[in-house]
Amino acid sequence: MPHLLNVNYLTQRLFIAILTCCTLFSCSEKKQATEQQTKDSQKIAVLLVNHGSHSPTWRKALTDLDSTVRGTILKDKRISDVKTAFMEYTEPSIATRMKQFDSAGYTDVIIVPIFLTVSSHSFDDIPTIIGTKEDPQSLETLKIEKIERYVAKAKTHITPLLDFTTILEQNILRRYQAISKNSKDEGLALIAYGDAGYNDEWSALMDSVGQHVIANTELTTYSYNWCGHIAHYNPDSTTIAINEVLQEKPSAVVMPVLVAHDEMFQVKIIGDGINAISDHSNKVIYRPDAILPDKNVEDWVISIVATHADHITSNRIM
């Protein structure tokens, strides 16, 4: 009898061990199936959002950015499409693109604002347009400017802006060095769009850029001013910034801190501000260029999209 009990006991233990293994294997299979089903049910798109402009040259710089990053982004099999939207002035608008994504059954859209730093556009207008924010002032502005608001079905994920990186500092330094003749005798005049509601943030960004150029060259002085709505699109603000550095140095290098080239800004507003300087042809160095194209911006877009795709998929599986 003792021998028989021993055999039965061993048989029972073996049965339990086999059952446990089968259960664990089954749970693992179910978990893998659930994860795969979650991944299969996700459909992620990317929307590169910019301000928009009447200028074809400006718009082309942004569609060129789209074309450049698209191939690399789509190598990530979690992402199925990349599109560009203009916030105002022209189509395709943000609402148009979000409707297209909803019609195609996308579950998630990663929105990458191609803006320098915080503004009413990035903080209020874009979230209001896609229906994730109810900002009264933005809602009124959208009505006045006839910008369509569309509450998306897809879940939207807005990425941080460019000024959370050192890209702008590197960009301005590279562009300054490309046209500088003798940094000891020059002052740098930075001309940016600006924003009345976020003047402190824009000023801090310009100071960061100016100090970075000083730290990496023999330049010792810089100034900045605005050319956008905050300055009423007046060339005088550019003239003021140039005269500030000319009080200390024989010549001024004028640098547009603008995402892309727009004839109204680089040629008309900044250009007229330069022309108001006496003997400007000898005192002012200027190239009417812009931040784009920039390989670092392209890499930043690719990287930030991948980071947000990781976040989306990991959160969905959990």
C-alpha atoms as a PDB file:
ATOM      1  CA  MET A   1       0.000   0.000   0.000  1.00  0.00           C
ATOM      2  CA  PRO A   2       2.678   2.573   0.814  1.00  0.00           C
ATOM      3  CA  HIS A   3       4.185   2.010  -2.624  1.00  0.00           C
ATOM      4  CA  LEU A   4       0.816   2.522  -4.308  1.00  0.00           C
ATOM      5  CA  LEU A   5       0.226   5.758  -2.390  1.00  0.00           C
ATOM      6  CA  ASN A   6       3.620   6.986  -3.481  1.00  0.00           C
ATOM      7  CA  VAL A   7       2.807   6.317  -7.138  1.00  0.00           C
ATOM      8  CA  ASN A   8      -0.559   8.067  -6.880  1.00  0.00           C
ATOM      9  CA  TYR A   9       1.044  11.063  -5.179  1.00  0.00           C
ATOM     10  CA  LEU A  10       3.695  11.357  -7.899  1.00  0.00           C
ATOM     11  CA  THR A  11       1.046  11.007 -10.603  1.00  0.00           C
ATOM     12  CA  GLN A  12      -0.999  13.776  -9.044  1.00  0.00           C
ATOM     13  CA  ARG A  13       2.013  16.084  -8.775  1.00  0.00           C
ATOM     14  CA  LEU A  14       2.936  15.400 -12.400  1.00  0.00           C
ATOM     15  CA  PHE A  15      -0.643  16.119 -13.484  1.00  0.00           C
ATOM     16  CA  ILE A  16      -0.660  19.404 -11.572  1.00  0.00           C
ATOM     17  CA  ALA A  17       2.685  20.424 -13.094  1.00  0.00           C
ATOM     18  CA  ILE A  18       1.460  19.667 -16.630  1.00  0.00           C
ATOM     19  CA  LEU A  19      -1.792  21.535 -15.965  1.00  0.00           C
ATOM     20  CA  THR A  20       0.131  24.538 -14.620  1.00  0.00           C
ATOM     21  CA  CYS A  21       2.382  24.626 -17.687  1.00  0.00           C
ATOM     22  CA  CYS A  22      -0.597  24.408 -20.010  1.00  0.00           C
ATOM     23  CA  THR A  23      -2.351  27.214 -18.127  1.00  0.00           C
ATOM     24  CA  LEU A  24       0.724  29.457 -18.247  1.00  0.00           C
ATOM     25  CA  PHE A  25       1.233  28.741 -21.947  1.00  0.00           C
ATOM     26  CA  SER A  26      -2.418  29.461 -22.631  1.00  0.00           C
ATOM     27  CA  CYS A  27      -2.234  32.762 -20.701  1.00  0.00           C
ATOM     28  CA  SER A  28       0.915  33.732 -22.583  1.00  0.00           C
ATOM     29  CA  GLU A  29      -0.758  32.949 -25.898  1.00  0.00           C
ATOM     30  CA  LYS A  30      -3.809  34.983 -24.893  1.00  0.00           C
ATOM     31  CA  LYS A  31      -1.625  37.911 -23.818  1.00  0.00           C
ATOM     32  CA  GLN A  32       0.280  37.827 -27.110  1.00  0.00           C
ATOM     33  CA  ALA A  33      -2.984  37.601 -29.017  1.00  0.00           C
ATOM     34  CA  THR A  34      -4.397  40.562 -27.064  1.00  0.00           C
ATOM     35  CA  GLU A  35      -1.273  42.620 -27.712  1.00  0.00           C
ATOM     36  CA  GLN A  36      -1.366  41.748 -31.411  1.00  0.00           C
ATOM     37  CA  GLN A  37      -5.064  42.532 -31.604  1.00  0.00           C
ATOM     38  CA  THR A  38      -4.411  45.892 -29.915  1.00  0.00           C
ATOM     39  CA  LYS A  39      -1.645  46.670 -32.385  1.00  0.00           C
ATOM     40  CA  ASP A  40      -3.783  45.568 -35.317  1.00  0.00           C
ATOM     41  CA  SER A  41      -6.690  47.728 -34.150  1.00  0.00           C
ATOM     42  CA  GLN A  42      -4.486  50.809 -33.877  1.00  0.00           C
ATOM     43  CA  LYS A  43      -4.117  53.002 -36.903  1.00  0.00           C
ATOM     44  CA  ILE A  44      -1.754  55.933 -36.414  1.00  0.00           C
ATOM     45  CA  ALA A  45      -1.280  58.945 -38.691  1.00  0.00           C
ATOM     46  CA  VAL A  46       0.980  61.991 -38.450  1.00  0.00           C
ATOM     47  CA  LEU A  47      -0.118  65.562 -39.161  1.00  0.00           C
ATOM     48  CA  LEU A  48       2.530  68.265 -39.571  1.00  0.00           C
ATOM     49  CA  VAL A  49       0.770  71.536 -38.729  1.00  0.00           C
ATOM     50  CA  ASN A  50       2.098  74.961 -39.638  1.00  0.00           C
ATOM     51  CA  HIS A  51       0.789  78.513 -39.533  1.00  0.00           C
ATOM     52  CA  GLY A  52      -0.018  78.837 -43.216  1.00  0.00           C
ATOM     53  CA  SER A  53       0.755  81.679 -45.615  1.00  0.00           C
ATOM     54  CA  HIS A  54      -0.416  83.304 -48.835  1.00  0.00           C
ATOM     55  CA  SER A  55       3.138  82.785 -50.133  1.00  0.00           C
ATOM     56  CA  PRO A  56       3.673  79.710 -52.360  1.00  0.00           C
ATOM     57  CA  THR A  57       7.378  79.851 -51.445  1.00  0.00           C
ATOM     58  CA  TRP A  58       6.523  79.595 -47.757  1.00  0.00           C
ATOM     59  CA  ARG A  59       4.088  76.727 -48.277  1.00  0.00           C
ATOM     60  CA  LYS A  60       6.572  74.824 -50.440  1.00  0.00           C
ATOM     61  CA  ALA A  61       9.144  74.844 -47.628  1.00  0.00           C
ATOM     62  CA  LEU A  62       6.633  73.087 -45.383  1.00  0.00           C
ATOM     63  CA  THR A  63       5.494  70.563 -47.992  1.00  0.00           C
ATOM     64  CA  ASP A  64       9.174  69.893 -48.750  1.00  0.00           C
ATOM     65  CA  LEU A  65       9.676  69.084 -45.060  1.00  0.00           C
ATOM     66  CA  ASP A  66       6.753  66.651 -45.310  1.00  0.00           C
ATOM     67  CA  SER A  67       8.271  64.982 -48.386  1.00  0.00           C
ATOM     68  CA  THR A  68      11.683  64.685 -46.750  1.00  0.00           C
ATOM     69  CA  VAL A  69      10.564  63.032 -43.491  1.00  0.00           C
ATOM     70  CA  ARG A  70       7.712  60.938 -44.887  1.00  0.00           C
ATOM     71  CA  GLY A  71       9.766  57.948 -46.071  1.00  0.00           C
ATOM     72  CA  THR A  72      11.612  57.505 -42.785  1.00  0.00           C
ATOM     73  CA  ILE A  73       8.499  57.928 -40.657  1.00  0.00           C
ATOM     74  CA  LEU A  74       6.545  55.377 -42.695  1.00  0.00           C
ATOM     75  CA  LYS A  75       9.263  52.769 -42.154  1.00  0.00           C
ATOM     76  CA  ASP A  76       7.697  52.500 -38.708  1.00  0.00           C
ATOM     77  CA  LYS A  77       4.909  50.006 -39.469  1.00  0.00           C
ATOM     78  CA  ARG A  78       2.767  51.457 -36.674  1.00  0.00           C
ATOM     79  CA  ILE A  79       2.311  54.631 -38.735  1.00  0.00           C
ATOM     80  CA  SER A  80       0.317  54.526 -41.956  1.00  0.00           C
ATOM     81  CA  ASP A  81       0.225  58.113 -43.240  1.00  0.00           C
ATOM     82  CA  VAL A  82       1.900  61.520 -43.010  1.00  0.00           C
ATOM     83  CA  LYS A  83       0.167  64.724 -44.089  1.00  0.00           C
ATOM     84  CA  THR A  84       0.642  68.488 -43.815  1.00  0.00           C
ATOM     85  CA  ALA A  85      -2.018  71.017 -42.808  1.00  0.00           C
ATOM     86  CA  PHE A  86      -2.070  74.816 -42.878  1.00  0.00           C
ATOM     87  CA  MET A  87      -3.742  76.463 -39.900  1.00  0.00           C
ATOM     88  CA  GLU A  88      -5.016  79.409 -41.928  1.00  0.00           C
ATOM     89  CA  TYR A  89      -5.037  81.152 -45.315  1.00  0.00           C
ATOM     90  CA  THR A  90      -5.075  78.046 -47.468  1.00  0.00           C
ATOM     91  CA  GLU A  91      -6.034  74.395 -47.852  1.00  0.00           C
ATOM     92  CA  PRO A  92      -5.557  71.689 -46.802  1.00  0.00           C
ATOM     93  CA  SER A  93      -6.645  72.970 -43.406  1.00  0.00           C
ATOM     94  CA  ILE A  94      -6.395  71.121 -40.092  1.00  0.00           C
ATOM     95  CA  ALA A  95     -10.120  70.341 -40.222  1.00  0.00           C
ATOM     96  CA  THR A  96      -9.825  68.971 -43.761  1.00  0.00           C
ATOM     97  CA  ARG A  97      -6.996  66.635 -42.782  1.00  0.00           C
ATOM     98  CA  MET A  98      -8.687  65.435 -39.589  1.00  0.00           C
ATOM     99  CA  LYS A  99     -11.841  64.608 -41.558  1.00  0.00           C
ATOM    100  CA  GLN A 100      -9.710  62.571 -43.970  1.00  0.00           C
ATOM    101  CA  PHE A 101      -8.093  60.677 -41.093  1.00  0.00           C
ATOM    102  CA  ASP A 102     -11.472  59.970 -39.494  1.00  0.00           C
ATOM    103  CA  SER A 103     -12.890  58.746 -42.807  1.00  0.00           C
ATOM    104  CA  ALA A 104      -9.926  56.390 -43.165  1.00  0.00           C
ATOM    105  CA  GLY A 105     -10.531  54.967 -39.683  1.00  0.00           C
ATOM    106  CA  TYR A 106      -7.453  56.248 -37.880  1.00  0.00           C
ATOM    107  CA  THR A 107      -7.520  55.720 -34.112  1.00  0.00           C
ATOM    108  CA  ASP A 108      -4.694  58.132 -33.288  1.00  0.00           C
ATOM    109  CA  VAL A 109      -3.165  61.210 -34.905  1.00  0.00           C
ATOM    110  CA  ILE A 110       0.205  62.603 -33.824  1.00  0.00           C
ATOM    111  CA  ILE A 111       0.101  66.365 -34.430  1.00  0.00           C
ATOM    112  CA  VAL A 112       3.517  68.001 -34.841  1.00  0.00           C
ATOM    113  CA  PRO A 113       3.266  71.824 -34.728  1.00  0.00           C
ATOM    114  CA  ILE A 114       6.044  73.374 -36.825  1.00  0.00           C
ATOM    115  CA  PHE A 115       6.124  76.484 -34.640  1.00  0.00           C
ATOM    116  CA  LEU A 116       9.121  78.053 -32.903  1.00  0.00           C
ATOM    117  CA  THR A 117       7.716  78.547 -29.430  1.00  0.00           C
ATOM    118  CA  VAL A 118       4.510  78.988 -27.475  1.00  0.00           C
ATOM    119  CA  SER A 119       1.876  81.312 -28.877  1.00  0.00           C
ATOM    120  CA  SER A 120      -1.881  81.644 -28.964  1.00  0.00           C
ATOM    121  CA  HIS A 121      -1.776  79.520 -32.126  1.00  0.00           C
ATOM    122  CA  SER A 122       0.000  76.564 -30.553  1.00  0.00           C
ATOM    123  CA  PHE A 123      -1.497  76.805 -27.069  1.00  0.00           C
ATOM    124  CA  ASP A 124      -5.095  77.807 -27.857  1.00  0.00           C
ATOM    125  CA  ASP A 125      -5.981  77.789 -31.553  1.00  0.00           C
ATOM    126  CA  ILE A 126      -4.831  74.321 -32.649  1.00  0.00           C
ATOM    127  CA  PRO A 127      -6.433  72.512 -29.654  1.00  0.00           C
ATOM    128  CA  THR A 128      -9.618  74.515 -30.237  1.00  0.00           C
ATOM    129  CA  ILE A 129      -9.679  73.647 -33.952  1.00  0.00           C
ATOM    130  CA  ILE A 130      -9.448  69.896 -33.235  1.00  0.00           C
ATOM    131  CA  GLY A 131     -11.992  70.065 -30.418  1.00  0.00           C
ATOM    132  CA  THR A 132      -9.786  69.311 -27.409  1.00  0.00           C
ATOM    133  CA  LYS A 133     -10.122  72.821 -25.979  1.00  0.00           C
ATOM    134  CA  GLU A 134     -12.946  75.349 -25.638  1.00  0.00           C
ATOM    135  CA  ASP A 135     -11.099  78.656 -25.624  1.00  0.00           C
ATOM    136  CA  PRO A 136     -13.646  81.510 -26.045  1.00  0.00           C
ATOM    137  CA  GLN A 137     -11.175  83.916 -27.646  1.00  0.00           C
ATOM    138  CA  SER A 138      -9.932  81.267 -30.067  1.00  0.00           C
ATOM    139  CA  LEU A 139     -13.493  80.264 -30.955  1.00  0.00           C
ATOM    140  CA  GLU A 140     -14.305  83.877 -31.780  1.00  0.00           C
ATOM    141  CA  THR A 141     -11.087  84.278 -33.790  1.00  0.00           C
ATOM    142  CA  LEU A 142     -11.838  81.121 -35.780  1.00  0.00           C
ATOM    143  CA  LYS A 143     -15.265  82.501 -36.681  1.00  0.00           C
ATOM    144  CA  ILE A 144     -13.864  85.874 -37.749  1.00  0.00           C
ATOM    145  CA  GLU A 145     -11.086  84.314 -39.823  1.00  0.00           C
ATOM    146  CA  LYS A 146     -13.416  81.591 -41.150  1.00  0.00           C
ATOM    147  CA  ILE A 147     -11.219  78.762 -39.914  1.00  0.00           C
ATOM    148  CA  GLU A 148     -13.217  75.545 -39.675  1.00  0.00           C
ATOM    149  CA  ARG A 149     -13.401  73.729 -36.358  1.00  0.00           C
ATOM    150  CA  TYR A 150     -13.737  69.938 -36.441  1.00  0.00           C
ATOM    151  CA  VAL A 151     -14.031  67.697 -33.397  1.00  0.00           C
ATOM    152  CA  ALA A 152     -11.997  64.665 -34.375  1.00  0.00           C
ATOM    153  CA  LYS A 153     -13.059  61.097 -33.665  1.00  0.00           C
ATOM    154  CA  ALA A 154      -9.433  59.980 -33.568  1.00  0.00           C
ATOM    155  CA  LYS A 155      -7.446  60.521 -30.402  1.00  0.00           C
ATOM    156  CA  THR A 156      -5.012  63.400 -30.926  1.00  0.00           C
ATOM    157  CA  HIS A 157      -1.520  63.749 -29.472  1.00  0.00           C
ATOM    158  CA  ILE A 158       0.155  67.185 -29.795  1.00  0.00           C
ATOM    159  CA  THR A 159       3.957  67.124 -29.549  1.00  0.00           C
ATOM    160  CA  PRO A 160       6.180  69.791 -27.929  1.00  0.00           C
ATOM    161  CA  LEU A 161       7.473  72.718 -29.998  1.00  0.00           C
ATOM    162  CA  LEU A 162      10.882  73.366 -31.506  1.00  0.00           C
ATOM    163  CA  ASP A 163      12.133  75.610 -28.700  1.00  0.00           C
ATOM    164  CA  PHE A 164      12.230  72.616 -26.341  1.00  0.00           C
ATOM    165  CA  THR A 165      15.435  71.671 -28.159  1.00  0.00           C
ATOM    166  CA  THR A 166      18.709  73.376 -29.119  1.00  0.00           C
ATOM    167  CA  ILE A 167      17.833  73.235 -32.827  1.00  0.00           C
ATOM    168  CA  LEU A 168      17.043  76.935 -33.185  1.00  0.00           C
ATOM    169  CA  GLU A 169      20.285  77.969 -31.493  1.00  0.00           C
ATOM    170  CA  GLN A 170      22.283  75.727 -33.822  1.00  0.00           C
ATOM    171  CA  ASN A 171      20.334  76.938 -36.852  1.00  0.00           C
ATOM    172  CA  ILE A 172      20.942  80.640 -36.193  1.00  0.00           C
ATOM    173  CA  LEU A 173      24.620  80.055 -35.386  1.00  0.00           C
ATOM    174  CA  ARG A 174      25.126  78.144 -38.642  1.00  0.00           C
ATOM    175  CA  ARG A 175      23.342  80.781 -40.714  1.00  0.00           C
ATOM    176  CA  TYR A 176      25.172  83.641 -38.997  1.00  0.00           C
ATOM    177  CA  GLN A 177      28.575  82.066 -39.609  1.00  0.00           C
ATOM    178  CA  ALA A 178      27.668  81.541 -43.279  1.00  0.00           C
ATOM    179  CA  ILE A 179      27.315  85.298 -43.935  1.00  0.00           C
ATOM    180  CA  SER A 180      29.466  86.881 -41.216  1.00  0.00           C
ATOM    181  CA  LYS A 181      32.489  88.841 -42.441  1.00  0.00           C
ATOM    182  CA  ASN A 182      34.159  89.780 -39.163  1.00  0.00           C
ATOM    183  CA  SER A 183      32.259  88.999 -35.973  1.00  0.00           C
ATOM    184  CA  LYS A 184      34.445  91.367 -33.926  1.00  0.00           C
ATOM    185  CA  ASP A 185      33.023  94.315 -35.858  1.00  0.00           C
ATOM    186  CA  GLU A 186      29.427  93.050 -36.071  1.00  0.00           C
ATOM    187  CA  GLY A 187      26.290  93.011 -33.994  1.00  0.00           C
ATOM    188  CA  LEU A 188      23.491  90.515 -34.568  1.00  0.00           C
ATOM    189  CA  ALA A 189      19.890  91.716 -35.080  1.00  0.00           C
ATOM    190  CA  LEU A 190      17.373  88.891 -34.688  1.00  0.00           C
ATOM    191  CA  ILE A 191      13.977  89.530 -36.287  1.00  0.00           C
ATOM    192  CA  ALA A 192      11.195  87.120 -35.259  1.00  0.00           C
ATOM    193  CA  TYR A 193       7.424  87.019 -35.639  1.00  0.00           C
ATOM    194  CA  GLY A 194       6.655  87.493 -31.916  1.00  0.00           C
ATOM    195  CA  ASP A 195       3.445  87.113 -29.924  1.00  0.00           C
ATOM    196  CA  ALA A 196       1.837  89.739 -27.675  1.00  0.00           C
ATOM    197  CA  GLY A 197       0.370  87.179 -25.293  1.00  0.00           C
ATOM    198  CA  TYR A 198       3.661  85.330 -24.824  1.00  0.00           C
ATOM    199  CA  ASN A 199       6.171  88.163 -25.082  1.00  0.00           C
ATOM    200  CA  ASP A 200       8.256  86.903 -22.140  1.00  0.00           C
ATOM    201  CA  GLU A 201       8.656  83.460 -23.728  1.00  0.00           C
ATOM    202  CA  TRP A 202       9.611  84.901 -27.115  1.00  0.00           C
ATOM    203  CA  SER A 203      12.065  87.316 -25.503  1.00  0.00           C
ATOM    204  CA  ALA A 204      13.654  84.483 -23.504  1.00  0.00           C
ATOM    205  CA  LEU A 205      14.031  82.461 -26.708  1.00  0.00           C
ATOM    206  CA  MET A 206      15.755  85.358 -28.516  1.00  0.00           C
ATOM    207  CA  ASP A 207      18.089  85.872 -25.552  1.00  0.00           C
ATOM    208  CA  SER A 208      18.945  82.169 -25.582  1.00  0.00           C
ATOM    209  CA  VAL A 209      19.735  82.287 -29.301  1.00  0.00           C
ATOM    210  CA  GLY A 210      21.763  85.505 -29.049  1.00  0.00           C
ATOM    211  CA  GLN A 211      23.823  84.218 -26.121  1.00  0.00           C
ATOM    212  CA  HIS A 212      24.488  80.954 -27.956  1.00  0.00           C
ATOM    213  CA  VAL A 213      25.940  82.829 -30.958  1.00  0.00           C
ATOM    214  CA  ILE A 214      28.074  84.983 -28.643  1.00  0.00           C
ATOM    215  CA  ALA A 215      29.376  81.891 -26.840  1.00  0.00           C
ATOM    216  CA  ASN A 216      30.482  80.281 -30.105  1.00  0.00           C
ATOM    217  CA  THR A 217      31.896  83.269 -32.033  1.00  0.00           C
ATOM    218  CA  GLU A 218      33.721  86.544 -31.385  1.00  0.00           C
ATOM    219  CA  LEU A 219      30.400  88.381 -31.512  1.00  0.00           C
ATOM    220  CA  THR A 220      29.763  90.485 -28.399  1.00  0.00           C
ATOM    221  CA  THR A 221      26.385  92.144 -28.941  1.00  0.00           C
ATOM    222  CA  TYR A 222      22.929  91.326 -30.251  1.00  0.00           C
ATOM    223  CA  SER A 223      19.418  92.767 -30.322  1.00  0.00           C
ATOM    224  CA  TYR A 224      16.007  91.498 -31.340  1.00  0.00           C
ATOM    225  CA  ASN A 225      12.625  92.750 -32.402  1.00  0.00           C
ATOM    226  CA  TRP A 226       9.384  91.590 -34.014  1.00  0.00           C
ATOM    227  CA  CYS A 227       7.939  91.694 -37.499  1.00  0.00           C
ATOM    228  CA  GLY A 228       4.527  90.048 -36.960  1.00  0.00           C
ATOM    229  CA  HIS A 229       1.177  91.119 -35.584  1.00  0.00           C
ATOM    230  CA  ILE A 230       2.716  92.373 -32.328  1.00  0.00           C
ATOM    231  CA  ALA A 231       4.696  94.921 -34.402  1.00  0.00           C
ATOM    232  CA  HIS A 232       1.705  95.601 -36.675  1.00  0.00           C
ATOM    233  CA  TYR A 233       3.878  94.264 -39.531  1.00  0.00           C
ATOM    234  CA  ASN A 234       5.806  97.530 -39.371  1.00  0.00           C
ATOM    235  CA  PRO A 235       9.381  97.727 -40.758  1.00  0.00           C
ATOM    236  CA  ASP A 236      10.266 100.268 -38.072  1.00  0.00           C
ATOM    237  CA  SER A 237      10.782  97.486 -35.518  1.00  0.00           C
ATOM    238  CA  THR A 238      13.495  95.988 -37.715  1.00  0.00           C
ATOM    239  CA  THR A 239      15.133  99.403 -38.097  1.00  0.00           C
ATOM    240  CA  ILE A 240      15.149  99.850 -34.311  1.00  0.00           C
ATOM    241  CA  ALA A 241      16.868  96.474 -33.760  1.00  0.00           C
ATOM    242  CA  ILE A 242      19.539  97.287 -36.351  1.00  0.00           C
ATOM    243  CA  ASN A 243      20.244 100.725 -34.883  1.00  0.00           C
ATOM    244  CA  GLU A 244      20.670  99.186 -31.423  1.00  0.00           C
ATOM    245  CA  VAL A 245      23.659  97.118 -32.570  1.00  0.00           C
ATOM    246  CA  LEU A 246      25.001  99.870 -34.835  1.00  0.00           C
ATOM    247  CA  GLN A 247      25.397 102.040 -31.737  1.00  0.00           C
ATOM    248  CA  GLU A 248      28.084  99.597 -30.613  1.00  0.00           C
ATOM    249  CA  LYS A 249      29.430  98.051 -33.815  1.00  0.00           C
ATOM    250  CA  PRO A 250      30.221  99.282 -37.362  1.00  0.00           C
ATOM    251  CA  SER A 251      27.945  96.717 -39.007  1.00  0.00           C
ATOM    252  CA  ALA A 252      24.859  94.633 -38.300  1.00  0.00           C
ATOM    253  CA  VAL A 253      24.006  91.117 -39.422  1.00  0.00           C
ATOM    254  CA  VAL A 254      20.223  90.832 -39.746  1.00  0.00           C
ATOM    255  CA  MET A 255      18.866  87.320 -39.190  1.00  0.00           C
ATOM    256  CA  PRO A 256      15.228  86.336 -39.854  1.00  0.00           C
ATOM    257  CA  VAL A 257      14.056  83.972 -37.095  1.00  0.00           C
ATOM    258  CA  LEU A 258      11.183  82.713 -39.235  1.00  0.00           C
ATOM    259  CA  VAL A 259      10.204  79.150 -40.088  1.00  0.00           C
ATOM    260  CA  ALA A 260      10.137  79.652 -43.856  1.00  0.00           C
ATOM    261  CA  HIS A 261      10.626  82.347 -46.495  1.00  0.00           C
ATOM    262  CA  ASP A 262       7.655  84.634 -47.056  1.00  0.00           C
ATOM    263  CA  GLU A 263       8.134  87.567 -49.404  1.00  0.00           C
ATOM    264  CA  MET A 264       6.023  89.849 -47.209  1.00  0.00           C
ATOM    265  CA  PHE A 265       8.298  89.289 -44.208  1.00  0.00           C
ATOM    266  CA  GLN A 266      11.805  88.639 -45.534  1.00  0.00           C
ATOM    267  CA  VAL A 267      11.571  91.053 -48.493  1.00  0.00           C
ATOM    268  CA  LYS A 268       8.972  93.696 -47.652  1.00  0.00           C
ATOM    269  CA  ILE A 269       8.936  94.127 -43.844  1.00  0.00           C
ATOM    270  CA  ILE A 270      12.549  93.249 -42.977  1.00  0.00           C
ATOM    271  CA  GLY A 271      13.831  94.600 -46.300  1.00  0.00           C
ATOM    272  CA  ASP A 272      12.137  97.970 -45.822  1.00  0.00           C
ATOM    273  CA  GLY A 273      13.462  98.122 -42.267  1.00  0.00           C
ATOM    274  CA  ILE A 274      16.996  97.663 -43.594  1.00  0.00           C
ATOM    275  CA  ASN A 275      16.496 100.237 -46.361  1.00  0.00           C
ATOM    276  CA  ALA A 276      15.623 102.841 -43.732  1.00  0.00           C
ATOM    277  CA  ILE A 277      19.177 102.598 -42.359  1.00  0.00           C
ATOM    278  CA  SER A 278      21.523 105.277 -43.663  1.00  0.00           C
ATOM    279  CA  ASP A 279      24.272 103.744 -45.835  1.00  0.00           C
ATOM    280  CA  HIS A 280      22.690 100.298 -45.270  1.00  0.00           C
ATOM    281  CA  SER A 281      24.569  98.717 -48.167  1.00  0.00           C
ATOM    282  CA  ASN A 282      27.820  99.161 -46.214  1.00  0.00           C
ATOM    283  CA  LYS A 283      26.471  98.744 -42.694  1.00  0.00           C
ATOM    284  CA  VAL A 284      24.038  95.848 -42.984  1.00  0.00           C
ATOM    285  CA  ILE A 285      24.657  92.229 -43.919  1.00  0.00           C
ATOM    286  CA  TYR A 286      21.481  90.360 -44.794  1.00  0.00           C
ATOM    287  CA  ARG A 287      20.384  87.159 -46.458  1.00  0.00           C
ATOM    288  CA  PRO A 288      16.574  86.751 -46.735  1.00  0.00           C
ATOM    289  CA  ASP A 289      16.610  83.094 -45.702  1.00  0.00           C
ATOM    290  CA  ALA A 290      14.721  81.129 -43.025  1.00  0.00           C
ATOM    291  CA  ILE A 291      15.046  78.251 -40.571  1.00  0.00           C
ATOM    292  CA  LEU A 292      13.941  75.723 -43.193  1.00  0.00           C
ATOM    293  CA  PRO A 293      15.419  73.724 -44.750  1.00  0.00           C
ATOM    294  CA  ASP A 294      17.342  72.245 -41.829  1.00  0.00           C
ATOM    295  CA  LYS A 295      18.457  68.632 -41.392  1.00  0.00           C
ATOM    296  CA  ASN A 296      18.185  68.978 -37.616  1.00  0.00           C
ATOM    297  CA  VAL A 297      14.531  69.981 -37.891  1.00  0.00           C
ATOM    298  CA  GLU A 298      13.887  66.956 -40.098  1.00  0.00           C
ATOM    299  CA  ASP A 299      15.570  64.646 -37.580  1.00  0.00           C
ATOM    300  CA  TRP A 300      13.603  66.255 -34.742  1.00  0.00           C
ATOM    301  CA  VAL A 301      10.285  65.590 -36.510  1.00  0.00           C
ATOM    302  CA  ILE A 302      11.214  61.951 -37.125  1.00  0.00           C
ATOM    303  CA  SER A 303      12.385  61.456 -33.540  1.00  0.00           C
ATOM    304  CA  ILE A 304       9.427  63.122 -31.830  1.00  0.00           C
ATOM    305  CA  VAL A 305       6.967  61.125 -33.949  1.00  0.00           C
ATOM    306  CA  ALA A 306       8.674  57.863 -32.961  1.00  0.00           C
ATOM    307  CA  THR A 307       8.597  58.848 -29.277  1.00  0.00           C
ATOM    308  CA  HIS A 308       4.863  59.549 -29.401  1.00  0.00           C
ATOM    309  CA  ALA A 309       4.168  56.355 -31.339  1.00  0.00           C
ATOM    310  CA  ASP A 310       5.930  54.433 -28.555  1.00  0.00           C
ATOM    311  CA  HIS A 311       3.765  56.174 -25.976  1.00  0.00           C
ATOM    312  CA  ILE A 312       0.557  55.450 -27.861  1.00  0.00           C
ATOM    313  CA  THR A 313       1.242  51.737 -28.386  1.00  0.00           C
ATOM    314  CA  SER A 314       2.528  51.099 -24.856  1.00  0.00           C
ATOM    315  CA  ASN A 315      -0.472  52.829 -23.274  1.00  0.00           C
ATOM    316  CA  ARG A 316      -2.944  50.939 -25.455  1.00  0.00           C
ATOM    317  CA  ILE A 317      -1.440  47.547 -24.583  1.00  0.00           C
ATOM    318  CA  MET A 318      -1.450  48.344 -20.871  1.00  0.00           C
END
